[in-house]
Amino acid sequence: MTEVSSLTGRLLVATPALADPNFDRAVVLLLDHDDEGSLGVVLNRPTPVTVGDVLASWADLAGEPGVVFQGGPVSLDAALGVAVIPGDEGPLGWRRVHGAIGVVDLETPPELLGPALGSLRIFAGYAGWGPGQLETELGDGAWYVVESEPGDVSSPTPEALWRQVLRRQRGELAMVATYPDDPSLN
């Protein structure tokens, strides 16, 4: 097997050329990336479903806008929690992914995690890639790979996250943030 340099904790930002409607202007936080494949959640796809509608016990801990996000096209009936927990030590029921960002075990009683949470988002489904699949897409120019920041997980304006993440990059990549939604109208 070939060794894969881990991109865990980084963001995949869809390029304007990415044709898959599941990932149009998507910002994906990679939660796992190794030689067995990749798994992440789309950070900028809020749904109209409130967290209280599906996971009532977690509703008070979910950050604004308090809705479930569509984490990707795979397993839409499964819930996944991502939280930011400041400090060096994380509580039982939370696995660090990168920096202060980690995955919440939603089977853990919320009262055990609540005091430690800086922010929490609930995702229905996830984005997944088999071995080598993401590397092929990266080679094809489908994604920009950039550093994540804890605020990306809890952005109060998730619909603007694609432009915000690109805008904070240096050089030509920041200019991609101005790419029109429909270039044919230019």
N, C-alpha and C. Protein backbone atom coordinates (compact mmCIF):
# COMPACT_ATOMS: atom_id res chain seq x y z
N MET A 1 0.82 -1.19 0.00
CA MET A 1 0.00 0.00 0.00
C MET A 1 0.87 1.25 0.00
N THR A 2 0.40 2.26 -0.67
CA THR A 2 1.13 3.51 -0.68
C THR A 2 0.74 4.33 0.53
N GLU A 3 1.68 5.08 1.05
CA GLU A 3 1.41 5.91 2.22
C GLU A 3 0.67 7.17 1.78
N VAL A 4 -0.34 7.54 2.55
CA VAL A 4 -1.14 8.73 2.25
C VAL A 4 -0.83 9.77 3.31
N SER A 5 -0.48 10.97 2.89
CA SER A 5 -0.26 12.06 3.83
C SER A 5 -1.63 12.51 4.34
N SER A 6 -1.81 12.50 5.64
CA SER A 6 -3.13 12.77 6.21
C SER A 6 -3.55 14.22 6.05
N LEU A 7 -4.79 14.38 5.63
CA LEU A 7 -5.41 15.70 5.52
C LEU A 7 -6.45 15.88 6.63
N THR A 8 -6.46 14.98 7.61
CA THR A 8 -7.42 15.06 8.70
C THR A 8 -7.36 16.44 9.35
N GLY A 9 -8.55 17.04 9.54
CA GLY A 9 -8.65 18.35 10.16
C GLY A 9 -8.56 19.51 9.20
N ARG A 10 -8.27 19.25 7.96
CA ARG A 10 -8.19 20.32 6.96
C ARG A 10 -9.52 20.45 6.25
N LEU A 11 -9.66 21.54 5.51
CA LEU A 11 -10.88 21.78 4.74
C LEU A 11 -10.66 21.47 3.28
N LEU A 12 -11.68 20.86 2.69
CA LEU A 12 -11.75 20.74 1.25
C LEU A 12 -12.75 21.80 0.80
N VAL A 13 -12.32 22.67 -0.08
CA VAL A 13 -13.19 23.72 -0.59
C VAL A 13 -13.40 23.43 -2.07
N ALA A 14 -14.65 23.24 -2.46
CA ALA A 14 -14.96 22.90 -3.85
C ALA A 14 -14.50 23.99 -4.80
N THR A 15 -13.85 23.60 -5.86
CA THR A 15 -13.47 24.57 -6.88
C THR A 15 -14.70 24.89 -7.72
N PRO A 16 -14.73 26.02 -8.37
CA PRO A 16 -15.87 26.33 -9.24
C PRO A 16 -16.07 25.29 -10.34
N ALA A 17 -15.02 24.54 -10.69
CA ALA A 17 -15.11 23.55 -11.76
C ALA A 17 -15.73 22.22 -11.31
N LEU A 18 -15.88 22.01 -10.01
CA LEU A 18 -16.44 20.76 -9.51
C LEU A 18 -17.89 20.62 -9.96
N ALA A 19 -18.18 19.58 -10.72
CA ALA A 19 -19.49 19.44 -11.36
C ALA A 19 -20.52 18.70 -10.52
N ASP A 20 -20.12 18.02 -9.46
CA ASP A 20 -21.04 17.23 -8.64
C ASP A 20 -21.96 18.16 -7.84
N PRO A 21 -23.29 18.12 -8.08
CA PRO A 21 -24.20 19.02 -7.37
C PRO A 21 -24.21 18.80 -5.85
N ASN A 22 -23.81 17.62 -5.38
CA ASN A 22 -23.72 17.38 -3.94
C ASN A 22 -22.66 18.26 -3.28
N PHE A 23 -21.72 18.73 -4.07
CA PHE A 23 -20.61 19.48 -3.51
C PHE A 23 -20.43 20.86 -4.13
N ASP A 24 -21.46 21.38 -4.78
CA ASP A 24 -21.37 22.72 -5.36
C ASP A 24 -21.10 23.74 -4.26
N ARG A 25 -19.95 24.40 -4.34
CA ARG A 25 -19.52 25.41 -3.36
C ARG A 25 -19.49 24.87 -1.93
N ALA A 26 -19.19 23.60 -1.80
CA ALA A 26 -19.14 22.97 -0.48
C ALA A 26 -17.82 23.25 0.22
N VAL A 27 -17.90 23.29 1.55
CA VAL A 27 -16.73 23.35 2.41
C VAL A 27 -16.82 22.12 3.30
N VAL A 28 -15.87 21.19 3.13
CA VAL A 28 -15.90 19.91 3.83
C VAL A 28 -14.77 19.87 4.85
N LEU A 29 -15.12 19.57 6.09
CA LEU A 29 -14.13 19.35 7.13
C LEU A 29 -13.79 17.87 7.12
N LEU A 30 -12.53 17.52 6.88
CA LEU A 30 -12.12 16.12 6.88
C LEU A 30 -11.91 15.65 8.32
N LEU A 31 -12.70 14.65 8.72
CA LEU A 31 -12.62 14.10 10.07
C LEU A 31 -11.66 12.92 10.14
N ASP A 32 -11.49 12.23 9.03
CA ASP A 32 -10.56 11.11 8.92
C ASP A 32 -10.04 11.05 7.50
N HIS A 33 -8.72 10.81 7.36
CA HIS A 33 -8.12 10.65 6.04
C HIS A 33 -6.88 9.79 6.21
N ASP A 34 -6.91 8.62 5.61
CA ASP A 34 -5.76 7.72 5.64
C ASP A 34 -5.80 6.82 4.42
N ASP A 35 -4.97 5.78 4.40
CA ASP A 35 -4.91 4.93 3.21
C ASP A 35 -6.14 4.05 3.02
N GLU A 36 -7.07 4.08 3.99
CA GLU A 36 -8.32 3.32 3.86
C GLU A 36 -9.46 4.19 3.32
N GLY A 37 -9.22 5.48 3.14
CA GLY A 37 -10.23 6.37 2.60
C GLY A 37 -10.35 7.65 3.41
N SER A 38 -11.42 8.39 3.16
CA SER A 38 -11.62 9.69 3.80
C SER A 38 -13.08 9.86 4.19
N LEU A 39 -13.29 10.61 5.27
CA LEU A 39 -14.64 10.90 5.74
C LEU A 39 -14.65 12.34 6.24
N GLY A 40 -15.69 13.07 5.85
CA GLY A 40 -15.81 14.46 6.29
C GLY A 40 -17.26 14.88 6.33
N VAL A 41 -17.49 16.11 6.76
CA VAL A 41 -18.83 16.67 6.79
C VAL A 41 -18.83 18.01 6.08
N VAL A 42 -19.91 18.26 5.34
CA VAL A 42 -20.09 19.54 4.65
C VAL A 42 -20.56 20.55 5.69
N LEU A 43 -19.80 21.62 5.87
CA LEU A 43 -20.09 22.60 6.93
C LEU A 43 -21.12 23.65 6.53
N ASN A 44 -21.43 23.76 5.25
CA ASN A 44 -22.27 24.88 4.81
C ASN A 44 -23.58 24.45 4.14
N ARG A 45 -24.21 23.40 4.67
CA ARG A 45 -25.50 22.95 4.14
C ARG A 45 -26.53 22.80 5.26
N PRO A 46 -27.03 23.93 5.80
CA PRO A 46 -28.06 23.81 6.84
C PRO A 46 -29.36 23.29 6.23
N THR A 47 -30.10 22.53 7.01
CA THR A 47 -31.41 22.05 6.59
C THR A 47 -32.47 22.81 7.39
N PRO A 48 -33.73 22.68 7.03
CA PRO A 48 -34.79 23.33 7.82
C PRO A 48 -35.15 22.55 9.09
N VAL A 49 -34.57 21.37 9.29
CA VAL A 49 -34.90 20.52 10.43
C VAL A 49 -34.13 20.99 11.66
N THR A 50 -34.84 21.24 12.76
CA THR A 50 -34.16 21.67 13.98
C THR A 50 -33.54 20.47 14.69
N VAL A 51 -32.49 20.71 15.45
CA VAL A 51 -31.85 19.65 16.22
C VAL A 51 -32.87 19.07 17.20
N GLY A 52 -33.73 19.89 17.77
CA GLY A 52 -34.75 19.43 18.70
C GLY A 52 -35.72 18.44 18.08
N ASP A 53 -35.92 18.52 16.77
CA ASP A 53 -36.83 17.59 16.07
C ASP A 53 -36.27 16.17 16.01
N VAL A 54 -34.94 16.04 16.00
CA VAL A 54 -34.34 14.72 15.83
C VAL A 54 -33.50 14.25 17.01
N LEU A 55 -32.90 15.17 17.73
CA LEU A 55 -32.08 14.83 18.90
C LEU A 55 -32.38 15.83 20.01
N ALA A 56 -33.56 15.70 20.59
CA ALA A 56 -34.04 16.67 21.57
C ALA A 56 -33.06 16.91 22.70
N SER A 57 -32.38 15.86 23.17
CA SER A 57 -31.48 16.02 24.32
C SER A 57 -30.25 16.86 23.99
N TRP A 58 -29.92 17.03 22.72
CA TRP A 58 -28.77 17.84 22.30
C TRP A 58 -29.17 19.24 21.85
N ALA A 59 -30.45 19.53 21.75
CA ALA A 59 -30.93 20.79 21.17
C ALA A 59 -30.39 22.02 21.88
N ASP A 60 -30.35 22.00 23.21
CA ASP A 60 -29.89 23.19 23.96
C ASP A 60 -28.39 23.44 23.79
N LEU A 61 -27.64 22.43 23.38
CA LEU A 61 -26.19 22.58 23.23
C LEU A 61 -25.77 22.93 21.81
N ALA A 62 -26.68 22.75 20.86
CA ALA A 62 -26.36 23.04 19.46
C ALA A 62 -26.25 24.54 19.24
N GLY A 63 -25.23 24.95 18.50
CA GLY A 63 -25.04 26.36 18.20
C GLY A 63 -26.05 26.86 17.18
N GLU A 64 -26.13 28.17 17.07
CA GLU A 64 -27.02 28.79 16.09
C GLU A 64 -26.56 28.44 14.69
N PRO A 65 -27.43 28.14 13.79
CA PRO A 65 -28.86 28.40 13.80
C PRO A 65 -29.70 27.29 14.45
N GLY A 66 -29.10 26.32 15.11
CA GLY A 66 -29.87 25.30 15.83
C GLY A 66 -30.55 24.27 14.94
N VAL A 67 -30.03 24.11 13.72
CA VAL A 67 -30.61 23.15 12.79
C VAL A 67 -29.60 22.04 12.51
N VAL A 68 -30.11 20.97 11.92
CA VAL A 68 -29.26 19.87 11.46
C VAL A 68 -28.67 20.29 10.12
N PHE A 69 -27.42 19.95 9.91
CA PHE A 69 -26.74 20.23 8.64
C PHE A 69 -26.64 18.95 7.84
N GLN A 70 -26.76 19.05 6.51
CA GLN A 70 -26.56 17.88 5.67
C GLN A 70 -25.06 17.71 5.50
N GLY A 71 -24.52 16.71 6.19
CA GLY A 71 -23.08 16.48 6.20
C GLY A 71 -22.53 15.91 4.91
N GLY A 72 -23.39 15.39 4.08
CA GLY A 72 -22.96 14.82 2.82
C GLY A 72 -24.00 13.86 2.30
N PRO A 73 -23.73 13.25 1.16
CA PRO A 73 -24.74 12.40 0.53
C PRO A 73 -24.80 10.97 1.09
N VAL A 74 -23.89 10.58 1.97
CA VAL A 74 -23.84 9.20 2.46
C VAL A 74 -24.54 9.10 3.82
N SER A 75 -25.36 8.07 3.99
CA SER A 75 -26.03 7.75 5.28
C SER A 75 -26.77 8.94 5.87
N LEU A 76 -27.69 9.49 5.12
CA LEU A 76 -28.45 10.65 5.59
C LEU A 76 -29.30 10.38 6.82
N ASP A 77 -29.50 9.12 7.15
CA ASP A 77 -30.28 8.78 8.34
C ASP A 77 -29.41 8.64 9.59
N ALA A 78 -28.11 8.86 9.47
CA ALA A 78 -27.19 8.78 10.61
C ALA A 78 -26.79 10.19 11.04
N ALA A 79 -26.68 10.38 12.36
CA ALA A 79 -26.30 11.69 12.91
C ALA A 79 -24.85 11.65 13.39
N LEU A 80 -24.18 12.77 13.20
CA LEU A 80 -22.80 12.92 13.62
C LEU A 80 -22.65 14.29 14.26
N GLY A 81 -21.98 14.36 15.38
CA GLY A 81 -21.77 15.63 16.06
C GLY A 81 -20.33 16.09 15.96
N VAL A 82 -20.12 17.36 15.69
CA VAL A 82 -18.79 17.96 15.66
C VAL A 82 -18.82 19.15 16.61
N ALA A 83 -17.83 19.18 17.50
CA ALA A 83 -17.80 20.25 18.50
C ALA A 83 -16.42 20.84 18.64
N VAL A 84 -16.39 22.09 19.05
CA VAL A 84 -15.15 22.77 19.39
C VAL A 84 -15.07 22.80 20.91
N ILE A 85 -13.95 22.30 21.43
CA ILE A 85 -13.73 22.29 22.87
C ILE A 85 -12.38 22.93 23.12
N PRO A 86 -12.38 24.11 23.73
CA PRO A 86 -11.12 24.80 24.00
C PRO A 86 -10.31 24.05 25.05
N GLY A 87 -9.00 24.26 25.03
CA GLY A 87 -8.13 23.66 26.04
C GLY A 87 -7.45 22.40 25.56
N ASP A 88 -6.60 21.87 26.43
CA ASP A 88 -5.80 20.70 26.08
C ASP A 88 -6.52 19.39 26.30
N GLU A 89 -7.38 19.34 27.28
CA GLU A 89 -8.07 18.11 27.64
C GLU A 89 -9.49 18.12 27.12
N GLY A 90 -9.88 17.03 26.49
CA GLY A 90 -11.26 16.89 26.05
C GLY A 90 -11.99 15.92 26.96
N PRO A 91 -13.29 16.09 27.12
CA PRO A 91 -14.06 15.22 28.00
C PRO A 91 -14.33 13.85 27.38
N LEU A 92 -14.75 12.94 28.21
CA LEU A 92 -15.19 11.63 27.76
C LEU A 92 -16.34 11.83 26.76
N GLY A 93 -16.31 11.11 25.63
CA GLY A 93 -17.36 11.25 24.63
C GLY A 93 -17.00 12.21 23.51
N TRP A 94 -15.76 12.68 23.50
CA TRP A 94 -15.30 13.60 22.45
C TRP A 94 -13.93 13.14 21.97
N ARG A 95 -13.73 13.04 20.66
CA ARG A 95 -12.45 12.63 20.08
C ARG A 95 -11.88 13.79 19.28
N ARG A 96 -10.69 14.22 19.67
CA ARG A 96 -10.02 15.32 18.97
C ARG A 96 -9.69 14.92 17.54
N VAL A 97 -10.02 15.81 16.60
CA VAL A 97 -9.69 15.62 15.19
C VAL A 97 -8.49 16.48 14.83
N HIS A 98 -8.57 17.75 15.21
CA HIS A 98 -7.51 18.71 14.87
C HIS A 98 -7.68 19.94 15.75
N GLY A 99 -6.65 20.31 16.46
CA GLY A 99 -6.74 21.49 17.33
C GLY A 99 -7.88 21.33 18.32
N ALA A 100 -8.77 22.30 18.35
CA ALA A 100 -9.91 22.28 19.28
C ALA A 100 -11.14 21.60 18.69
N ILE A 101 -11.04 21.12 17.45
CA ILE A 101 -12.17 20.51 16.76
C ILE A 101 -12.18 19.00 16.99
N GLY A 102 -13.36 18.47 17.30
CA GLY A 102 -13.46 17.03 17.51
C GLY A 102 -14.85 16.49 17.24
N VAL A 103 -14.95 15.17 17.27
CA VAL A 103 -16.20 14.47 17.02
C VAL A 103 -16.82 14.07 18.35
N VAL A 104 -18.13 14.28 18.45
CA VAL A 104 -18.89 13.96 19.66
C VAL A 104 -19.57 12.61 19.50
N ASP A 105 -19.44 11.76 20.52
CA ASP A 105 -20.18 10.51 20.57
C ASP A 105 -21.58 10.87 21.06
N LEU A 106 -22.56 10.85 20.16
CA LEU A 106 -23.92 11.28 20.51
C LEU A 106 -24.64 10.29 21.42
N GLU A 107 -23.99 9.16 21.73
CA GLU A 107 -24.53 8.22 22.71
C GLU A 107 -24.15 8.64 24.13
N THR A 108 -23.19 9.55 24.26
CA THR A 108 -22.78 10.07 25.56
C THR A 108 -23.88 10.98 26.09
N PRO A 109 -24.19 10.90 27.38
CA PRO A 109 -25.19 11.82 27.93
C PRO A 109 -24.75 13.28 27.73
N PRO A 110 -25.61 14.12 27.16
CA PRO A 110 -25.24 15.52 26.88
C PRO A 110 -24.75 16.28 28.12
N GLU A 111 -25.27 15.95 29.28
CA GLU A 111 -24.85 16.67 30.49
C GLU A 111 -23.38 16.44 30.83
N LEU A 112 -22.78 15.35 30.33
CA LEU A 112 -21.35 15.13 30.56
C LEU A 112 -20.49 16.04 29.69
N LEU A 113 -20.96 16.32 28.49
CA LEU A 113 -20.19 17.14 27.55
C LEU A 113 -20.55 18.62 27.62
N GLY A 114 -21.77 18.92 27.98
CA GLY A 114 -22.28 20.29 27.95
C GLY A 114 -21.37 21.35 28.53
N PRO A 115 -20.86 21.15 29.74
CA PRO A 115 -20.03 22.21 30.34
C PRO A 115 -18.73 22.49 29.57
N ALA A 116 -18.24 21.52 28.80
CA ALA A 116 -16.98 21.69 28.09
C ALA A 116 -17.14 22.25 26.68
N LEU A 117 -18.34 22.14 26.12
CA LEU A 117 -18.53 22.51 24.72
C LEU A 117 -18.41 24.00 24.47
N GLY A 118 -17.62 24.34 23.44
CA GLY A 118 -17.58 25.71 22.98
C GLY A 118 -18.64 25.94 21.92
N SER A 119 -18.87 24.94 21.09
CA SER A 119 -19.92 24.97 20.07
C SER A 119 -20.16 23.55 19.59
N LEU A 120 -21.36 23.30 19.08
CA LEU A 120 -21.73 21.97 18.60
C LEU A 120 -22.59 22.10 17.36
N ARG A 121 -22.29 21.27 16.36
CA ARG A 121 -23.13 21.16 15.17
C ARG A 121 -23.48 19.69 14.99
N ILE A 122 -24.72 19.45 14.57
CA ILE A 122 -25.19 18.11 14.28
C ILE A 122 -25.35 17.97 12.77
N PHE A 123 -24.84 16.86 12.24
CA PHE A 123 -24.86 16.60 10.79
C PHE A 123 -25.62 15.32 10.52
N ALA A 124 -26.47 15.36 9.49
CA ALA A 124 -27.13 14.16 8.98
C ALA A 124 -26.31 13.71 7.77
N GLY A 125 -25.73 12.54 7.88
CA GLY A 125 -24.92 12.02 6.79
C GLY A 125 -23.51 12.58 6.80
N TYR A 126 -22.74 12.10 5.81
CA TYR A 126 -21.34 12.51 5.71
C TYR A 126 -20.89 12.38 4.26
N ALA A 127 -19.72 12.91 3.99
CA ALA A 127 -19.09 12.76 2.68
C ALA A 127 -17.99 11.71 2.84
N GLY A 128 -17.95 10.75 1.95
CA GLY A 128 -16.96 9.69 2.06
C GLY A 128 -16.30 9.38 0.73
N TRP A 129 -15.04 8.96 0.82
CA TRP A 129 -14.25 8.59 -0.35
C TRP A 129 -13.53 7.29 -0.04
N GLY A 130 -13.49 6.39 -1.00
CA GLY A 130 -12.75 5.14 -0.86
C GLY A 130 -11.25 5.39 -0.99
N PRO A 131 -10.45 4.33 -0.78
CA PRO A 131 -9.00 4.48 -0.89
C PRO A 131 -8.59 5.08 -2.23
N GLY A 132 -7.83 6.15 -2.19
CA GLY A 132 -7.31 6.80 -3.39
C GLY A 132 -8.31 7.68 -4.14
N GLN A 133 -9.59 7.61 -3.81
CA GLN A 133 -10.60 8.37 -4.55
C GLN A 133 -10.42 9.87 -4.36
N LEU A 134 -10.21 10.31 -3.12
CA LEU A 134 -10.03 11.74 -2.88
C LEU A 134 -8.75 12.24 -3.54
N GLU A 135 -7.70 11.45 -3.49
CA GLU A 135 -6.43 11.85 -4.11
C GLU A 135 -6.62 12.05 -5.61
N THR A 136 -7.45 11.20 -6.23
CA THR A 136 -7.74 11.36 -7.67
C THR A 136 -8.48 12.67 -7.90
N GLU A 137 -9.48 12.97 -7.07
CA GLU A 137 -10.22 14.23 -7.22
C GLU A 137 -9.30 15.44 -7.00
N LEU A 138 -8.39 15.33 -6.04
CA LEU A 138 -7.44 16.43 -5.81
C LEU A 138 -6.54 16.61 -7.04
N GLY A 139 -6.09 15.51 -7.62
CA GLY A 139 -5.27 15.56 -8.82
C GLY A 139 -6.01 16.15 -10.01
N ASP A 140 -7.33 15.95 -10.03
CA ASP A 140 -8.16 16.50 -11.11
C ASP A 140 -8.52 17.97 -10.88
N GLY A 141 -8.11 18.53 -9.75
CA GLY A 141 -8.39 19.95 -9.47
C GLY A 141 -9.79 20.22 -8.97
N ALA A 142 -10.44 19.23 -8.37
CA ALA A 142 -11.82 19.42 -7.89
C ALA A 142 -11.89 20.18 -6.57
N TRP A 143 -10.83 20.14 -5.78
CA TRP A 143 -10.84 20.71 -4.43
C TRP A 143 -9.60 21.56 -4.17
N TYR A 144 -9.80 22.61 -3.37
CA TYR A 144 -8.68 23.33 -2.76
C TYR A 144 -8.56 22.75 -1.36
N VAL A 145 -7.35 22.53 -0.88
CA VAL A 145 -7.13 22.05 0.48
C VAL A 145 -6.54 23.21 1.27
N VAL A 146 -7.24 23.60 2.35
CA VAL A 146 -6.80 24.73 3.17
C VAL A 146 -6.92 24.37 4.65
N GLU A 147 -6.29 25.16 5.49
CA GLU A 147 -6.35 24.95 6.93
C GLU A 147 -7.74 25.30 7.46
N SER A 148 -8.19 24.53 8.44
CA SER A 148 -9.45 24.83 9.10
C SER A 148 -9.20 25.74 10.29
N GLU A 149 -10.24 26.40 10.72
CA GLU A 149 -10.22 27.21 11.94
C GLU A 149 -11.42 26.78 12.78
N PRO A 150 -11.32 26.81 14.11
CA PRO A 150 -12.45 26.39 14.94
C PRO A 150 -13.76 27.10 14.59
N GLY A 151 -13.71 28.36 14.19
CA GLY A 151 -14.92 29.11 13.84
C GLY A 151 -15.62 28.61 12.60
N ASP A 152 -14.93 27.82 11.78
CA ASP A 152 -15.57 27.27 10.58
C ASP A 152 -16.69 26.32 10.96
N VAL A 153 -16.52 25.57 12.03
CA VAL A 153 -17.52 24.60 12.47
C VAL A 153 -18.79 25.30 12.93
N SER A 154 -18.65 26.48 13.51
CA SER A 154 -19.81 27.16 14.11
C SER A 154 -20.13 28.49 13.43
N SER A 155 -19.78 28.63 12.17
CA SER A 155 -20.02 29.88 11.47
C SER A 155 -21.50 30.29 11.59
N PRO A 156 -21.76 31.54 12.02
CA PRO A 156 -23.15 31.99 12.13
C PRO A 156 -23.81 32.21 10.77
N THR A 157 -23.00 32.26 9.71
CA THR A 157 -23.52 32.42 8.35
C THR A 157 -22.97 31.30 7.48
N PRO A 158 -23.44 30.07 7.69
CA PRO A 158 -22.87 28.94 6.94
C PRO A 158 -23.02 29.06 5.43
N GLU A 159 -24.06 29.74 4.96
CA GLU A 159 -24.25 29.89 3.52
C GLU A 159 -23.17 30.76 2.89
N ALA A 160 -22.45 31.53 3.69
CA ALA A 160 -21.38 32.39 3.18
C ALA A 160 -19.99 31.79 3.42
N LEU A 161 -19.92 30.60 3.99
CA LEU A 161 -18.64 30.01 4.40
C LEU A 161 -17.69 29.77 3.23
N TRP A 162 -18.21 29.35 2.07
CA TRP A 162 -17.34 29.10 0.92
C TRP A 162 -16.53 30.35 0.57
N ARG A 163 -17.21 31.47 0.47
CA ARG A 163 -16.52 32.73 0.14
C ARG A 163 -15.61 33.17 1.29
N GLN A 164 -16.06 33.01 2.53
CA GLN A 164 -15.26 33.44 3.69
C GLN A 164 -13.95 32.67 3.79
N VAL A 165 -14.02 31.36 3.61
CA VAL A 165 -12.81 30.53 3.69
C VAL A 165 -11.84 30.91 2.57
N LEU A 166 -12.34 31.07 1.36
CA LEU A 166 -11.47 31.44 0.25
C LEU A 166 -10.88 32.83 0.44
N ARG A 167 -11.70 33.76 0.92
CA ARG A 167 -11.26 35.14 1.09
C ARG A 167 -10.08 35.26 2.06
N ARG A 168 -10.00 34.38 3.05
CA ARG A 168 -8.92 34.49 4.04
C ARG A 168 -7.61 33.84 3.56
N GLN A 169 -7.63 33.22 2.36
CA GLN A 169 -6.41 32.62 1.83
C GLN A 169 -5.55 33.70 1.20
N ARG A 170 -4.30 33.38 1.01
CA ARG A 170 -3.36 34.33 0.41
C ARG A 170 -3.31 34.13 -1.11
N GLY A 171 -2.94 35.19 -1.79
CA GLY A 171 -2.68 35.11 -3.22
C GLY A 171 -3.91 34.93 -4.07
N GLU A 172 -3.71 34.21 -5.18
CA GLU A 172 -4.77 34.06 -6.17
C GLU A 172 -5.99 33.31 -5.64
N LEU A 173 -5.79 32.43 -4.66
CA LEU A 173 -6.91 31.66 -4.13
C LEU A 173 -7.96 32.58 -3.51
N ALA A 174 -7.55 33.67 -2.91
CA ALA A 174 -8.51 34.62 -2.32
C ALA A 174 -9.40 35.24 -3.41
N MET A 175 -8.88 35.37 -4.60
CA MET A 175 -9.68 35.96 -5.68
C MET A 175 -10.79 35.03 -6.15
N VAL A 176 -10.64 33.71 -5.93
CA VAL A 176 -11.68 32.76 -6.33
C VAL A 176 -12.97 33.06 -5.57
N ALA A 177 -12.88 33.66 -4.41
CA ALA A 177 -14.07 34.00 -3.61
C ALA A 177 -15.01 34.93 -4.38
N THR A 178 -14.50 35.63 -5.36
CA THR A 178 -15.34 36.56 -6.14
C THR A 178 -15.94 35.89 -7.37
N TYR A 179 -15.66 34.62 -7.56
CA TYR A 179 -16.19 33.89 -8.71
C TYR A 179 -17.71 33.93 -8.69
N PRO A 180 -18.35 34.33 -9.79
CA PRO A 180 -19.81 34.47 -9.79
C PRO A 180 -20.52 33.12 -9.69
N ASP A 181 -21.72 33.15 -9.11
CA ASP A 181 -22.51 31.93 -9.01
C ASP A 181 -22.79 31.34 -10.38
N ASP A 182 -23.08 32.20 -11.34
CA ASP A 182 -23.34 31.75 -12.71
C ASP A 182 -22.46 32.58 -13.64
N PRO A 183 -21.29 32.02 -14.04
CA PRO A 183 -20.36 32.78 -14.87
C PRO A 183 -20.93 33.19 -16.23
N SER A 184 -21.98 32.51 -16.69
CA SER A 184 -22.57 32.87 -17.99
C SER A 184 -23.27 34.22 -17.94
N LEU A 185 -23.59 34.72 -16.74
CA LEU A 185 -24.24 36.02 -16.60
C LEU A 185 -23.23 37.15 -16.53
N ASN A 186 -21.97 36.84 -16.58
CA ASN A 186 -20.92 37.84 -16.47
C ASN A 186 -20.81 38.69 -17.71
